[in-house]
Amino acid sequence: MSETAPAPAAAPAVESGPKKKQPKKAVGAKKSSKASCPSVSELIVKAVSASKERNGLSLTALKKVLSGCGYDVEKNNSRLKLALKALVTKETLVQVKGSGASGSFKLNKKQTEGKTATCCYLALLGGHFLSHANPFLLR
């Protein structure tokens, strides 16, 4: 009786041939998500211009308005503060109270004289803000 040893299992062959190249993306292609949403500075300017407060819009009220329109304030808090500081240094906004990114902010009258500042909360916030509206912000 001759015993035959079982044949060892053949290892899967690794193909060392040429690899298939994947098509490259177009160089000039841009992401569409960037173009669809406005920047943080634009949202801040629209919210401050829509405010009818005499003393300007405070940082906490600004955060409430932006979170009401769907902007994630907790996640982008540092981005919000940097945008506020940049708008103050560009003299788009005037800081009425506080220092840095805290306090109250108003639009600079010198820059808005040349431009017509027409803004509507409904256009800014997509119409769903009125259910969460702060009566002090809508005066």
Protein backbone atom coordinates (compact mmCIF):
# COMPACT_ATOMS: atom_id res chain seq x y z
CA MET A 1 0.00 0.00 0.00
CA SER A 2 1.49 3.12 -1.06
CA GLU A 3 0.56 6.16 0.81
CA THR A 4 0.39 9.38 -1.06
CA ALA A 5 1.00 12.57 0.76
CA PRO A 6 -1.67 15.16 0.26
CA ALA A 7 -0.61 17.90 -2.08
CA PRO A 8 0.09 21.17 -0.28
CA ALA A 9 -2.50 23.85 -0.91
CA ALA A 10 -1.35 26.17 -3.60
CA ALA A 11 -0.92 29.73 -2.37
CA PRO A 12 -2.82 32.30 -4.36
CA ALA A 13 -0.60 33.60 -7.07
CA VAL A 14 0.32 37.25 -6.78
CA GLU A 15 0.03 38.95 -10.08
CA SER A 16 3.13 40.90 -10.82
CA GLY A 17 1.84 42.13 -14.14
CA PRO A 18 1.08 45.74 -14.95
CA LYS A 19 -1.51 47.34 -12.69
CA LYS A 20 -4.54 49.00 -14.09
CA LYS A 21 -4.41 52.77 -13.84
CA GLN A 22 -7.39 54.59 -12.54
CA PRO A 23 -8.54 57.60 -14.52
CA LYS A 24 -7.31 60.90 -13.10
CA LYS A 25 -9.72 63.57 -12.02
CA ALA A 26 -9.95 66.76 -13.99
CA VAL A 27 -7.51 69.36 -12.81
CA GLY A 28 -9.93 72.29 -13.00
CA ALA A 29 -12.75 70.52 -11.15
CA LYS A 30 -13.94 72.22 -7.97
CA LYS A 31 -16.02 70.94 -5.13
CA SER A 32 -19.61 72.07 -5.35
CA SER A 33 -20.10 72.10 -1.57
CA LYS A 34 -17.85 75.14 -1.18
CA ALA A 35 -19.89 77.21 -3.60
CA SER A 36 -23.26 76.28 -2.12
CA CYS A 37 -22.75 77.63 1.41
CA PRO A 38 -21.73 81.20 2.28
CA SER A 39 -18.64 81.91 4.34
CA VAL A 40 -18.75 82.60 8.07
CA SER A 41 -17.92 86.27 7.58
CA GLU A 42 -20.82 86.70 5.18
CA LEU A 43 -23.20 85.09 7.67
CA ILE A 44 -21.92 87.36 10.45
CA VAL A 45 -22.30 90.51 8.36
CA LYS A 46 -25.83 89.54 7.32
CA ALA A 47 -26.86 88.77 10.89
CA VAL A 48 -25.42 92.02 12.25
CA SER A 49 -26.97 94.09 9.46
CA ALA A 50 -30.37 92.50 10.06
CA SER A 51 -30.20 93.32 13.76
CA LYS A 52 -32.04 96.47 14.79
CA GLU A 53 -30.35 96.77 18.17
CA ARG A 54 -28.94 100.18 19.00
CA ASN A 55 -25.92 98.77 20.83
CA GLY A 56 -25.13 96.18 18.20
CA LEU A 57 -25.31 92.41 18.33
CA SER A 58 -23.53 90.63 21.17
CA LEU A 59 -21.44 87.52 20.65
CA THR A 60 -23.97 85.29 22.41
CA ALA A 61 -26.87 86.69 20.38
CA LEU A 62 -24.83 86.21 17.20
CA LYS A 63 -24.19 82.58 18.15
CA LYS A 64 -27.91 82.06 18.73
CA VAL A 65 -28.77 83.50 15.33
CA LEU A 66 -26.16 81.39 13.53
CA SER A 67 -27.17 78.20 15.36
CA GLY A 68 -30.80 78.97 14.50
CA CYS A 69 -29.98 79.00 10.80
CA GLY A 70 -28.20 75.65 11.02
CA TYR A 71 -24.56 76.65 11.53
CA ASP A 72 -22.71 74.43 14.02
CA VAL A 73 -21.40 77.03 16.46
CA GLU A 74 -19.89 74.60 18.97
CA LYS A 75 -17.80 72.87 16.34
CA ASN A 76 -16.69 76.07 14.57
CA ASN A 77 -16.29 78.37 17.59
CA SER A 78 -12.68 79.26 16.85
CA ARG A 79 -13.51 79.93 13.18
CA LEU A 80 -16.30 82.25 14.29
CA LYS A 81 -13.99 84.20 16.59
CA LEU A 82 -11.30 84.52 13.92
CA ALA A 83 -13.86 85.78 11.42
CA LEU A 84 -15.12 88.37 13.91
CA LYS A 85 -11.61 89.63 14.60
CA ALA A 86 -10.87 89.80 10.87
CA LEU A 87 -14.05 91.79 10.19
CA VAL A 88 -13.13 94.25 12.93
CA THR A 89 -9.61 94.73 11.55
CA LYS A 90 -11.01 95.20 8.02
CA GLU A 91 -13.35 97.82 9.55
CA THR A 92 -16.45 96.09 8.23
CA LEU A 93 -17.67 95.79 11.81
CA VAL A 94 -17.18 98.13 14.74
CA GLN A 95 -16.70 96.67 18.20
CA VAL A 96 -18.93 98.65 20.55
CA LYS A 97 -18.14 96.77 23.77
CA GLY A 98 -15.54 94.28 24.88
CA SER A 99 -12.22 93.27 23.39
CA GLY A 100 -11.08 90.54 21.04
CA ALA A 101 -13.97 88.41 19.88
CA SER A 102 -16.21 89.15 22.87
CA GLY A 103 -18.57 92.07 23.27
CA SER A 104 -21.01 93.70 20.88
CA PHE A 105 -20.60 94.43 17.19
CA LYS A 106 -22.22 96.88 14.77
CA LEU A 107 -21.81 97.54 11.08
CA ASN A 108 -19.43 100.34 10.23
CA LYS A 109 -21.52 103.27 9.00
CA LYS A 110 -18.68 104.62 6.88
CA GLN A 111 -18.58 101.48 4.75
CA THR A 112 -22.35 100.98 4.54
CA GLU A 113 -23.01 104.49 3.20
CA GLY A 114 -21.67 103.53 -0.21
CA LYS A 115 -23.50 100.21 -0.23
CA THR A 116 -27.17 99.52 0.25
CA ALA A 117 -27.46 97.07 3.11
CA THR A 118 -30.71 95.27 2.39
CA CYS A 119 -31.03 92.02 4.26
CA CYS A 120 -33.97 89.96 5.38
CA TYR A 121 -33.92 87.37 8.14
CA LEU A 122 -36.07 85.09 6.03
CA ALA A 123 -33.59 85.13 3.17
CA LEU A 124 -30.65 84.66 5.53
CA LEU A 125 -32.10 81.88 7.60
CA GLY A 126 -34.21 80.05 5.06
CA GLY A 127 -37.56 80.91 6.66
CA HIS A 128 -37.41 78.40 9.51
CA PHE A 129 -35.97 80.85 12.04
CA LEU A 130 -39.26 82.48 13.02
CA SER A 131 -40.32 79.55 15.18
CA HIS A 132 -37.16 80.03 17.26
CA ALA A 133 -37.10 83.81 16.99
CA ASN A 134 -35.73 85.95 19.76
CA PRO A 135 -38.05 88.97 20.06
CA PHE A 136 -35.11 91.24 20.91
CA LEU A 137 -33.35 90.39 17.65
CA LEU A 138 -36.35 91.03 15.42
CA ARG A 139 -37.05 94.62 16.52
